[in-house]
Each structure stands twice: as structure tokens, then as C-alpha cells.
Amino acid sequence: MSLLRKFGFGKKSFEENIMKEVDIIINIFKQKAEKPIRAITSDFMTLSIANIMCDVTLGKQFDWNDQDFLTILNSIHGVASNVNTIGILTVFPFLAKVPGDPFRGQESLTHSLNLEKSLTKYIQEHLQTYDETHIRDFIDAYIREMKREGKVDKNDFDGNSEKSDFTNLLNI
């Protein structure tokens, strides 16, 4: 909670960011005032909530049509919807090699790598602009803790490191 408060949670600055998203949702409801709203509401609610989460974790609110934002969301959705597959492949990694990809191992890998690539870009930006006296979001807080433990430097997350755990799992 103290970390959230440092980022503005419970303060006017954070409230303004949430209110931007609330205004967008209110406008969507106004546009659909005469029409029935079905399960599609979950789509824009998901976008709004995800945008607030990105603000806290990445230090950035996105336009809902921003391709980086959509890639992150689609990748998270793809990884989360294949969580059982990842569990099965952890125990039986050879199943990822079955022709036709019936266990969706390659699909899971693609989503995982897309997410890793997208987030690495923001981590790199944070490493380059990191200021210990101004912690902006969770990435900065994480970098601060890693620096205190001597486990991070500007060469980390450069894309040249070892393959991700999931990639190693599938031996690709």
C-alpha cells in the first residue's frame, strides 16, 4: 500500500488518471443509451482497467487503439487463456512438439514472447531514465530493489540474455 501511495493511489493525481478512464466509459454508455448493451461491455471495461494497471506498472496510460497496448493485452489474454497448457507442457515438454500443435504450445510460446518483447521495451526505457529520487511506477520500484541487491545494470533486459523460461521449456 505504501508503494501505491507513492505512485499517487488515494491522491488527486491518481484520481485524475482513473477519471480519464471513467469519462471514456461514460461516453461509451451515452453513445449506446438507446441500444442494448450486451457482454461487449466487458471489452471496454477490460481496456479501461488494463489502462489503469499500465499506468501503475509501466507509468503510462495508452490510447485504446495504441498497437503496443493492444499487443500487451492480447498477449496477456493469450497467456492467461493457455495457463493449463503451460502447466501440461511444464510436466510433459515433448507435447509441444506434437504436429498440429493440439496443446497450443506454440501459440502459448508466441504470446509469451510477444509479452516479453513488449515489456522489455518499457523496462529498457525505465533503465535508461531511472532516477532513484523519483520512483514513477512499479518498474522503477523493482529496479530500485534490484539495484539495492546488486542484481541489475543497464545491460540487463537487452534482449541478448538467455532465452525465457517458457522458451527454454520448449527447447526452442
Protein backbone atom coordinates (compact mmCIF):
# COMPACT_ATOMS: atom_id res chain seq x y z
CA MET A 1 0.00 0.00 0.00
CA SER A 2 2.84 2.40 0.77
CA LEU A 3 4.22 1.83 -2.74
CA LEU A 4 0.80 2.51 -4.26
CA ARG A 5 0.53 5.72 -2.23
CA LYS A 6 3.92 6.84 -3.55
CA PHE A 7 2.50 6.46 -7.07
CA GLY A 8 -0.48 8.59 -6.14
CA PHE A 9 -3.04 5.97 -5.09
CA GLY A 10 -5.51 7.74 -2.84
CA LYS A 11 -4.29 11.14 -4.04
CA LYS A 12 -5.67 13.60 -6.58
CA SER A 13 -3.03 12.77 -9.23
CA PHE A 14 -4.05 9.13 -9.36
CA GLU A 15 -7.73 10.04 -9.20
CA GLU A 16 -7.32 12.18 -12.33
CA ASN A 17 -5.91 9.22 -14.26
CA ILE A 18 -8.78 6.99 -13.19
CA MET A 19 -11.32 9.72 -14.01
CA LYS A 20 -9.96 9.90 -17.58
CA GLU A 21 -10.91 6.25 -17.99
CA VAL A 22 -14.27 6.75 -16.26
CA ASP A 23 -15.07 9.61 -18.67
CA ILE A 24 -14.34 7.34 -21.63
CA ILE A 25 -16.67 4.66 -20.24
CA ILE A 26 -19.41 7.22 -19.53
CA ASN A 27 -19.16 8.46 -23.11
CA ILE A 28 -19.47 4.90 -24.40
CA PHE A 29 -22.61 4.40 -22.28
CA LYS A 30 -24.03 7.68 -23.62
CA GLN A 31 -23.39 6.57 -27.20
CA LYS A 32 -25.21 3.31 -26.53
CA ALA A 33 -28.02 4.90 -24.49
CA GLU A 34 -30.76 3.78 -26.85
CA LYS A 35 -29.23 0.42 -27.67
CA PRO A 36 -29.00 -2.69 -25.52
CA ILE A 37 -25.52 -3.33 -24.13
CA ARG A 38 -24.50 -6.95 -24.16
CA ALA A 39 -21.39 -8.74 -22.96
CA ILE A 40 -19.35 -6.40 -25.17
CA THR A 41 -19.22 -4.03 -22.20
CA SER A 42 -16.54 -6.29 -20.78
CA ASP A 43 -14.31 -5.29 -23.70
CA PHE A 44 -14.19 -1.60 -22.90
CA MET A 45 -14.19 -2.27 -19.16
CA THR A 46 -11.16 -4.53 -19.69
CA LEU A 47 -9.44 -1.83 -21.73
CA SER A 48 -10.11 0.77 -19.08
CA ILE A 49 -8.97 -1.35 -16.14
CA ALA A 50 -5.91 -2.54 -18.07
CA ASN A 51 -5.02 1.05 -18.88
CA ILE A 52 -5.11 1.99 -15.20
CA MET A 53 -2.94 -1.03 -14.41
CA CYS A 54 -0.48 0.00 -17.14
CA ASP A 55 -0.35 3.46 -15.59
CA VAL A 56 0.70 1.98 -12.24
CA THR A 57 3.09 -0.66 -13.59
CA LEU A 58 4.52 0.95 -16.74
CA GLY A 59 3.97 4.58 -15.84
CA LYS A 60 1.96 5.15 -19.00
CA GLN A 61 -1.68 5.43 -19.96
CA PHE A 62 -2.36 4.37 -23.54
CA ASP A 63 -4.84 5.35 -26.18
CA TRP A 64 -7.16 2.35 -26.54
CA ASN A 65 -6.10 1.97 -30.19
CA ASP A 66 -2.37 2.07 -29.42
CA GLN A 67 -0.78 -1.00 -31.00
CA ASP A 68 1.66 -1.54 -28.11
CA PHE A 69 -1.25 -1.52 -25.65
CA LEU A 70 -3.29 -3.96 -27.74
CA THR A 71 -0.29 -6.26 -28.16
CA ILE A 72 0.29 -6.32 -24.40
CA LEU A 73 -3.39 -7.04 -23.71
CA ASN A 74 -3.69 -9.72 -26.40
CA SER A 75 -0.51 -11.38 -25.15
CA ILE A 76 -1.68 -11.37 -21.54
CA HIS A 77 -5.03 -12.77 -22.62
CA GLY A 78 -3.32 -15.43 -24.73
CA VAL A 79 -1.00 -16.49 -21.92
CA ALA A 80 -3.79 -16.46 -19.31
CA SER A 81 -6.17 -18.45 -21.50
CA ASN A 82 -3.47 -21.08 -22.06
CA VAL A 83 -2.42 -21.44 -18.43
CA ASN A 84 -3.48 -25.10 -18.37
CA THR A 85 -1.45 -25.72 -21.49
CA ILE A 86 1.63 -24.19 -19.90
CA GLY A 87 1.11 -26.44 -16.86
CA ILE A 88 0.85 -29.54 -19.04
CA LEU A 89 3.90 -28.53 -21.06
CA THR A 90 5.88 -27.94 -17.89
CA VAL A 91 5.32 -31.56 -16.91
CA PHE A 92 5.42 -33.03 -20.44
CA PRO A 93 7.52 -30.67 -22.61
CA PHE A 94 7.65 -33.15 -25.52
CA LEU A 95 3.93 -32.47 -26.12
CA ALA A 96 4.87 -29.08 -27.58
CA LYS A 97 6.45 -30.95 -30.48
CA VAL A 98 3.29 -32.87 -31.45
CA PRO A 99 2.43 -31.99 -35.08
CA GLY A 100 -0.54 -29.68 -35.48
CA ASP A 101 0.03 -28.10 -32.06
CA PRO A 102 -3.05 -29.68 -30.42
CA PHE A 103 -1.93 -28.47 -26.98
CA ARG A 104 -1.41 -24.91 -28.28
CA GLY A 105 2.19 -24.89 -27.06
CA GLN A 106 3.45 -22.83 -29.98
CA GLU A 107 0.55 -20.41 -29.54
CA SER A 108 1.40 -20.07 -25.85
CA LEU A 109 5.03 -19.52 -26.71
CA THR A 110 4.15 -16.82 -29.24
CA HIS A 111 2.01 -14.95 -26.72
CA SER A 112 4.68 -15.28 -24.04
CA LEU A 113 7.43 -14.00 -26.34
CA ASN A 114 5.27 -11.09 -27.58
CA LEU A 115 4.56 -10.07 -23.99
CA GLU A 116 8.22 -10.37 -23.05
CA LYS A 117 9.26 -8.29 -26.07
CA SER A 118 6.68 -5.58 -25.34
CA LEU A 119 7.52 -5.29 -21.67
CA THR A 120 11.28 -5.40 -22.30
CA LYS A 121 10.92 -2.21 -24.33
CA TYR A 122 9.40 -0.40 -21.35
CA ILE A 123 11.92 -1.89 -18.92
CA GLN A 124 14.77 -0.66 -21.15
CA GLU A 125 13.26 2.83 -21.21
CA HIS A 126 12.98 2.76 -17.42
CA LEU A 127 16.60 1.61 -17.04
CA GLN A 128 17.77 4.49 -19.23
CA THR A 129 15.71 7.14 -17.43
CA TYR A 130 15.88 5.68 -13.92
CA ASP A 131 16.21 8.23 -11.12
CA GLU A 132 16.36 6.78 -7.62
CA THR A 133 14.97 10.00 -6.18
CA HIS A 134 11.87 9.85 -8.40
CA ILE A 135 10.19 6.41 -8.42
CA ARG A 136 7.43 6.66 -11.04
CA ASP A 137 5.87 3.20 -11.07
CA PHE A 138 6.33 -0.46 -10.20
CA ILE A 139 9.09 -0.97 -12.75
CA ASP A 140 11.15 1.78 -11.10
CA ALA A 141 10.41 0.29 -7.68
CA TYR A 142 11.57 -3.11 -8.93
CA ILE A 143 14.74 -1.64 -10.44
CA ARG A 144 15.47 0.15 -7.16
CA GLU A 145 15.18 -3.10 -5.22
CA MET A 146 17.33 -4.98 -7.73
CA LYS A 147 19.99 -2.24 -7.60
CA ARG A 148 20.00 -2.41 -3.80
CA GLU A 149 20.69 -6.13 -4.10
CA GLY A 150 23.27 -5.50 -6.85
CA LYS A 151 21.35 -7.57 -9.39
CA VAL A 152 20.63 -5.07 -12.17
CA ASP A 153 22.56 -2.84 -14.51
CA LYS A 154 21.96 -1.13 -17.84
CA ASN A 155 22.87 -4.32 -19.74
CA ASP A 156 20.01 -6.31 -18.23
CA PHE A 157 16.89 -6.88 -20.31
CA ASP A 158 18.78 -6.10 -23.51
CA GLY A 159 17.29 -8.96 -25.50
CA ASN A 160 20.63 -10.76 -25.64
CA SER A 161 20.16 -12.65 -22.41
CA GLU A 162 19.30 -16.28 -22.06
CA LYS A 163 16.02 -17.46 -23.52
CA SER A 164 12.92 -17.03 -21.38
CA ASP A 165 11.86 -19.83 -19.07
CA PHE A 166 8.99 -20.79 -21.35
CA THR A 167 11.27 -20.81 -24.41
CA ASN A 168 13.75 -22.99 -22.54
CA LEU A 169 10.88 -25.23 -21.53
CA LEU A 170 10.02 -25.89 -25.14
CA ASN A 171 13.72 -26.14 -26.13
CA ILE A 172 13.33 -23.65 -28.96
